[in-house]
PDB file of N, CA and C in Angstrom:
ATOM      1  N   MET A   1      76.765  81.231 110.504  1.00  0.00           N
ATOM      2  CA  MET A   1      76.838  80.369 111.659  1.00  0.00           C
ATOM      3  C   MET A   1      77.259  81.214 112.862  1.00  0.00           C
ATOM      4  N   PRO A   2      76.561  81.098 113.974  1.00  0.00           N
ATOM      5  CA  PRO A   2      76.887  81.899 115.160  1.00  0.00           C
ATOM      6  C   PRO A   2      78.284  81.587 115.710  1.00  0.00           C
ATOM      7  N   THR A   3      78.944  82.622 116.150  1.00  0.00           N
ATOM      8  CA  THR A   3      80.305  82.491 116.657  1.00  0.00           C
ATOM      9  C   THR A   3      80.372  81.585 117.878  1.00  0.00           C
ATOM     10  N   ASN A   4      79.377  81.668 118.756  1.00  0.00           N
ATOM     11  CA  ASN A   4      79.425  80.848 119.970  1.00  0.00           C
ATOM     12  C   ASN A   4      79.378  79.352 119.656  1.00  0.00           C
ATOM     13  N   ILE A   5      78.670  78.973 118.609  1.00  0.00           N
ATOM     14  CA  ILE A   5      78.608  77.566 118.206  1.00  0.00           C
ATOM     15  C   ILE A   5      79.971  77.110 117.698  1.00  0.00           C
ATOM     16  N   VAL A   6      80.581  77.926 116.856  1.00  0.00           N
ATOM     17  CA  VAL A   6      81.905  77.596 116.329  1.00  0.00           C
ATOM     18  C   VAL A   6      82.914  77.498 117.467  1.00  0.00           C
ATOM     19  N   MET A   7      82.817  78.401 118.431  1.00  0.00           N
ATOM     20  CA  MET A   7      83.740  78.381 119.567  1.00  0.00           C
ATOM     21  C   MET A   7      83.562  77.116 120.408  1.00  0.00           C
ATOM     22  N   GLU A   8      82.331  76.642 120.562  1.00  0.00           N
ATOM     23  CA  GLU A   8      82.095  75.400 121.308  1.00  0.00           C
ATOM     24  C   GLU A   8      82.751  74.217 120.602  1.00  0.00           C
ATOM     25  N   ILE A   9      82.616  74.160 119.286  1.00  0.00           N
ATOM     26  CA  ILE A   9      83.223  73.085 118.504  1.00  0.00           C
ATOM     27  C   ILE A   9      84.742  73.166 118.595  1.00  0.00           C
ATOM     28  N   ILE A  10      85.293  74.368 118.493  1.00  0.00           N
ATOM     29  CA  ILE A  10      86.741  74.555 118.601  1.00  0.00           C
ATOM     30  C   ILE A  10      87.229  74.163 119.990  1.00  0.00           C
ATOM     31  N   GLN A  11      86.475  74.499 121.025  1.00  0.00           N
ATOM     32  CA  GLN A  11      86.871  74.161 122.398  1.00  0.00           C
ATOM     33  C   GLN A  11      86.960  72.648 122.591  1.00  0.00           C
ATOM     34  N   VAL A  12      86.003  71.927 122.059  1.00  0.00           N
ATOM     35  CA  VAL A  12      86.042  70.468 122.153  1.00  0.00           C
ATOM     36  C   VAL A  12      87.271  69.936 121.420  1.00  0.00           C
ATOM     37  N   THR A  13      87.551  70.487 120.242  1.00  0.00           N
ATOM     38  CA  THR A  13      88.714  70.069 119.467  1.00  0.00           C
ATOM     39  C   THR A  13      90.006  70.365 120.219  1.00  0.00           C
ATOM     40  N   GLN A  14      90.115  71.530 120.828  1.00  0.00           N
ATOM     41  CA  GLN A  14      91.309  71.881 121.592  1.00  0.00           C
ATOM     42  C   GLN A  14      91.479  70.974 122.806  1.00  0.00           C
ATOM     43  N   ASP A  15      90.391  70.647 123.475  1.00  0.00           N
ATOM     44  CA  ASP A  15      90.463  69.728 124.611  1.00  0.00           C
ATOM     45  C   ASP A  15      90.962  68.357 124.167  1.00  0.00           C
ATOM     46  N   LEU A  16      90.539  67.924 122.996  1.00  0.00           N
ATOM     47  CA  LEU A  16      90.990  66.645 122.455  1.00  0.00           C
ATOM     48  C   LEU A  16      92.480  66.691 122.136  1.00  0.00           C
ATOM     49  N   ILE A  17      92.924  67.760 121.498  1.00  0.00           N
ATOM     50  CA  ILE A  17      94.338  67.901 121.148  1.00  0.00           C
ATOM     51  C   ILE A  17      95.210  67.947 122.397  1.00  0.00           C
ATOM     52  N   ALA A  18      94.737  68.612 123.435  1.00  0.00           N
ATOM     53  CA  ALA A  18      95.492  68.747 124.684  1.00  0.00           C
ATOM     54  C   ALA A  18      95.365  67.507 125.573  1.00  0.00           C
ATOM     55  N   ASN A  19      94.701  66.473 125.077  1.00  0.00           N
ATOM     56  CA  ASN A  19      94.493  65.228 125.826  1.00  0.00           C
ATOM     57  C   ASN A  19      93.720  65.431 127.119  1.00  0.00           C
ATOM     58  N   LYS A  20      92.872  66.449 127.166  1.00  0.00           N
ATOM     59  CA  LYS A  20      92.009  66.660 128.330  1.00  0.00           C
ATOM     60  C   LYS A  20      90.809  65.723 128.281  1.00  0.00           C
ATOM     61  N   ILE A  21      90.432  65.321 127.060  1.00  0.00           N
ATOM     62  CA  ILE A  21      89.318  64.397 126.872  1.00  0.00           C
ATOM     63  C   ILE A  21      89.729  63.342 125.856  1.00  0.00           C
ATOM     64  N   THR A  22      89.027  62.218 125.867  1.00  0.00           N
ATOM     65  CA  THR A  22      89.301  61.156 124.903  1.00  0.00           C
ATOM     66  C   THR A  22      88.541  61.423 123.606  1.00  0.00           C
ATOM     67  N   ARG A  23      88.857  60.654 122.593  1.00  0.00           N
ATOM     68  CA  ARG A  23      88.150  60.786 121.318  1.00  0.00           C
ATOM     69  C   ARG A  23      86.658  60.530 121.487  1.00  0.00           C
ATOM     70  N   GLU A  24      86.356  59.496 122.255  1.00  0.00           N
ATOM     71  CA  GLU A  24      84.950  59.148 122.469  1.00  0.00           C
ATOM     72  C   GLU A  24      84.209  60.277 123.170  1.00  0.00           C
ATOM     73  N   MET A  25      84.858  60.879 124.172  1.00  0.00           N
ATOM     74  CA  MET A  25      84.234  61.995 124.883  1.00  0.00           C
ATOM     75  C   MET A  25      84.028  63.180 123.947  1.00  0.00           C
ATOM     76  N   ALA A  26      84.994  63.429 123.058  1.00  0.00           N
ATOM     77  CA  ALA A  26      84.874  64.533 122.105  1.00  0.00           C
ATOM     78  C   ALA A  26      83.695  64.302 121.166  1.00  0.00           C
ATOM     79  N   VAL A  27      83.580  63.088 120.662  1.00  0.00           N
ATOM     80  CA  VAL A  27      82.475  62.764 119.757  1.00  0.00           C
ATOM     81  C   VAL A  27      81.139  62.945 120.472  1.00  0.00           C
ATOM     82  N   ILE A  28      81.052  62.467 121.708  1.00  0.00           N
ATOM     83  CA  ILE A  28      79.809  62.595 122.478  1.00  0.00           C
ATOM     84  C   ILE A  28      79.471  64.062 122.711  1.00  0.00           C
ATOM     85  N   LYS A  29      80.472  64.870 123.093  1.00  0.00           N
ATOM     86  CA  LYS A  29      80.224  66.300 123.334  1.00  0.00           C
ATOM     87  C   LYS A  29      79.747  66.995 122.063  1.00  0.00           C
ATOM     88  N   LEU A  30      80.354  66.655 120.932  1.00  0.00           N
ATOM     89  CA  LEU A  30      79.967  67.291 119.673  1.00  0.00           C
ATOM     90  C   LEU A  30      78.539  66.917 119.276  1.00  0.00           C
ATOM     91  N   PHE A  31      78.159  65.667 119.483  1.00  0.00           N
ATOM     92  CA  PHE A  31      76.808  65.246 119.122  1.00  0.00           C
ATOM     93  C   PHE A  31      75.765  65.735 120.116  1.00  0.00           C
ATOM     94  N   LYS A  32      76.165  66.084 121.332  1.00  0.00           N
ATOM     95  CA  LYS A  32      75.220  66.579 122.338  1.00  0.00           C
ATOM     96  C   LYS A  32      74.892  68.060 122.168  1.00  0.00           C
ATOM     97  N   LEU A  33      75.678  68.790 121.369  1.00  0.00           N
ATOM     98  CA  LEU A  33      75.422  70.212 121.171  1.00  0.00           C
ATOM     99  C   LEU A  33      74.056  70.410 120.512  1.00  0.00           C
ATOM    100  N   ASP A  34      73.337  71.426 120.953  1.00  0.00           N
ATOM    101  CA  ASP A  34      72.025  71.752 120.387  1.00  0.00           C
ATOM    102  C   ASP A  34      72.254  72.644 119.168  1.00  0.00           C
ATOM    103  N   LEU A  35      72.189  72.045 117.977  1.00  0.00           N
ATOM    104  CA  LEU A  35      72.579  72.752 116.762  1.00  0.00           C
ATOM    105  C   LEU A  35      71.496  72.712 115.696  1.00  0.00           C
ATOM    106  N   ALA A  36      71.557  73.714 114.808  1.00  0.00           N
ATOM    107  CA  ALA A  36      70.706  73.722 113.616  1.00  0.00           C
ATOM    108  C   ALA A  36      71.311  72.748 112.595  1.00  0.00           C
ATOM    109  N   THR A  37      70.652  72.553 111.475  1.00  0.00           N
ATOM    110  CA  THR A  37      71.072  71.558 110.486  1.00  0.00           C
ATOM    111  C   THR A  37      72.493  71.775 109.987  1.00  0.00           C
ATOM    112  N   ASN A  38      72.823  72.970 109.518  1.00  0.00           N
ATOM    113  CA  ASN A  38      74.160  73.223 108.986  1.00  0.00           C
ATOM    114  C   ASN A  38      75.220  73.136 110.072  1.00  0.00           C
ATOM    115  N   GLU A  39      74.897  73.610 111.259  1.00  0.00           N
ATOM    116  CA  GLU A  39      75.838  73.541 112.375  1.00  0.00           C
ATOM    117  C   GLU A  39      76.070  72.088 112.774  1.00  0.00           C
ATOM    118  N   TYR A  40      75.013  71.290 112.725  1.00  0.00           N
ATOM    119  CA  TYR A  40      75.132  69.871 113.051  1.00  0.00           C
ATOM    120  C   TYR A  40      76.048  69.168 112.054  1.00  0.00           C
ATOM    121  N   LYS A  41      75.948  69.545 110.779  1.00  0.00           N
ATOM    122  CA  LYS A  41      76.805  68.942 109.755  1.00  0.00           C
ATOM    123  C   LYS A  41      78.272  69.223 110.045  1.00  0.00           C
ATOM    124  N   LEU A  42      78.600  70.433 110.484  1.00  0.00           N
ATOM    125  CA  LEU A  42      79.980  70.775 110.826  1.00  0.00           C
ATOM    126  C   LEU A  42      80.440  69.967 112.034  1.00  0.00           C
ATOM    127  N   ALA A  43      79.624  69.907 113.069  1.00  0.00           N
ATOM    128  CA  ALA A  43      79.982  69.147 114.266  1.00  0.00           C
ATOM    129  C   ALA A  43      80.154  67.664 113.937  1.00  0.00           C
ATOM    130  N   LYS A  44      79.293  67.135 113.083  1.00  0.00           N
ATOM    131  CA  LYS A  44      79.394  65.726 112.687  1.00  0.00           C
ATOM    132  C   LYS A  44      80.686  65.482 111.916  1.00  0.00           C
ATOM    133  N   ALA A  45      81.061  66.400 111.025  1.00  0.00           N
ATOM    134  CA  ALA A  45      82.298  66.258 110.261  1.00  0.00           C
ATOM    135  C   ALA A  45      83.516  66.282 111.183  1.00  0.00           C
ATOM    136  N   VAL A  46      83.522  67.181 112.156  1.00  0.00           N
ATOM    137  CA  VAL A  46      84.636  67.259 113.109  1.00  0.00           C
ATOM    138  C   VAL A  46      84.685  65.983 113.951  1.00  0.00           C
ATOM    139  N   ALA A  47      83.535  65.482 114.363  1.00  0.00           N
ATOM    140  CA  ALA A  47      83.480  64.249 115.155  1.00  0.00           C
ATOM    141  C   ALA A  47      84.012  63.062 114.357  1.00  0.00           C
ATOM    142  N   GLU A  48      83.628  62.961 113.098  1.00  0.00           N
ATOM    143  CA  GLU A  48      84.119  61.867 112.255  1.00  0.00           C
ATOM    144  C   GLU A  48      85.618  61.991 112.021  1.00  0.00           C
ATOM    145  N   LEU A  49      86.108  63.203 111.867  1.00  0.00           N
ATOM    146  CA  LEU A  49      87.541  63.420 111.706  1.00  0.00           C
ATOM    147  C   LEU A  49      88.291  62.972 112.958  1.00  0.00           C
ATOM    148  N   ALA A  50      87.796  63.341 114.117  1.00  0.00           N
ATOM    149  CA  ALA A  50      88.426  62.939 115.376  1.00  0.00           C
ATOM    150  C   ALA A  50      88.409  61.425 115.528  1.00  0.00           C
ATOM    151  N   ARG A  51      87.366  60.807 115.060  1.00  0.00           N
ATOM    152  CA  ARG A  51      87.231  59.353 115.178  1.00  0.00           C
ATOM    153  C   ARG A  51      88.200  58.622 114.254  1.00  0.00           C
ATOM    154  N   LYS A  52      88.498  59.203 113.075  1.00  0.00           N
ATOM    155  CA  LYS A  52      89.277  58.500 112.057  1.00  0.00           C
ATOM    156  C   LYS A  52      90.765  58.842 112.040  1.00  0.00           C
ATOM    157  N   LEU A  53      91.181  59.888 112.718  1.00  0.00           N
ATOM    158  CA  LEU A  53      92.598  60.248 112.702  1.00  0.00           C
ATOM    159  C   LEU A  53      93.436  59.180 113.387  1.00  0.00           C
ATOM    160  N   PRO A  54      94.695  59.023 112.960  1.00  0.00           N
ATOM    161  CA  PRO A  54      95.561  58.046 113.628  1.00  0.00           C
ATOM    162  C   PRO A  54      95.787  58.425 115.089  1.00  0.00           C
ATOM    163  N   ARG A  55      95.981  57.435 115.936  1.00  0.00           N
ATOM    164  CA  ARG A  55      96.165  57.683 117.366  1.00  0.00           C
ATOM    165  C   ARG A  55      97.519  58.312 117.670  1.00  0.00           C
ATOM    166  N   VAL A  56      98.522  58.049 116.835  1.00  0.00           N
ATOM    167  CA  VAL A  56      99.859  58.607 117.018  1.00  0.00           C
ATOM    168  C   VAL A  56     100.083  59.632 115.922  1.00  0.00           C
ATOM    169  N   SER A  57     100.698  60.756 116.272  1.00  0.00           N
ATOM    170  CA  SER A  57     100.936  61.777 115.252  1.00  0.00           C
ATOM    171  C   SER A  57     101.868  61.234 114.180  1.00  0.00           C
ATOM    172  N   LEU A  58     101.728  61.723 112.973  1.00  0.00           N
ATOM    173  CA  LEU A  58     102.535  61.242 111.858  1.00  0.00           C
ATOM    174  C   LEU A  58     104.013  61.534 112.070  1.00  0.00           C
ATOM    175  N   ALA A  59     104.357  62.642 112.714  1.00  0.00           N
ATOM    176  CA  ALA A  59     105.756  62.982 112.972  1.00  0.00           C
ATOM    177  C   ALA A  59     106.390  61.947 113.895  1.00  0.00           C
ATOM    178  N   GLU A  60     105.701  61.552 114.946  1.00  0.00           N
ATOM    179  CA  GLU A  60     106.227  60.544 115.864  1.00  0.00           C
ATOM    180  C   GLU A  60     106.376  59.210 115.158  1.00  0.00           C
ATOM    181  N   GLU A  61     105.408  58.854 114.364  1.00  0.00           N
ATOM    182  CA  GLU A  61     105.426  57.577 113.675  1.00  0.00           C
ATOM    183  C   GLU A  61     106.572  57.511 112.674  1.00  0.00           C
ATOM    184  N   SER A  62     106.819  58.577 111.932  1.00  0.00           N
ATOM    185  CA  SER A  62     107.876  58.574 110.925  1.00  0.00           C
ATOM    186  C   SER A  62     109.257  58.539 111.565  1.00  0.00           C
ATOM    187  N   ASN A  63     109.439  59.140 112.725  1.00  0.00           N
ATOM    188  CA  ASN A  63     110.731  59.113 113.406  1.00  0.00           C
ATOM    189  C   ASN A  63     111.065  57.722 113.924  1.00  0.00           C
ATOM    190  N   GLU A  64     110.085  56.961 114.310  1.00  0.00           N
ATOM    191  CA  GLU A  64     110.324  55.626 114.836  1.00  0.00           C
ATOM    192  C   GLU A  64     110.690  54.640 113.740  1.00  0.00           C
ATOM    193  N   MET A  65     110.345  54.946 112.516  1.00  0.00           N
ATOM    194  CA  MET A  65     110.599  54.028 111.412  1.00  0.00           C
ATOM    195  C   MET A  65     112.002  54.195 110.836  1.00  0.00           C
ATOM    196  N   VAL A  66     112.723  55.207 111.239  1.00  0.00           N
ATOM    197  CA  VAL A  66     114.047  55.479 110.668  1.00  0.00           C
ATOM    198  C   VAL A  66     115.066  54.546 111.233  1.00  0.00           C
TER     199      VAL A  66
END
């Protein structure tokens, strides 16, 4: 897999983590990438992960329950 493709996927993920973009924007950016079949599968997996993760980090959630 080409390094530039992986870097694009990582950049979208980092932008999501840094709250520069929303989950929906991250998913859209990942699906808009011009990718080959295997690269598309990776981008789709990352997009689904971003879509399904909890909105609040587990550390924050566990501290509030104490």
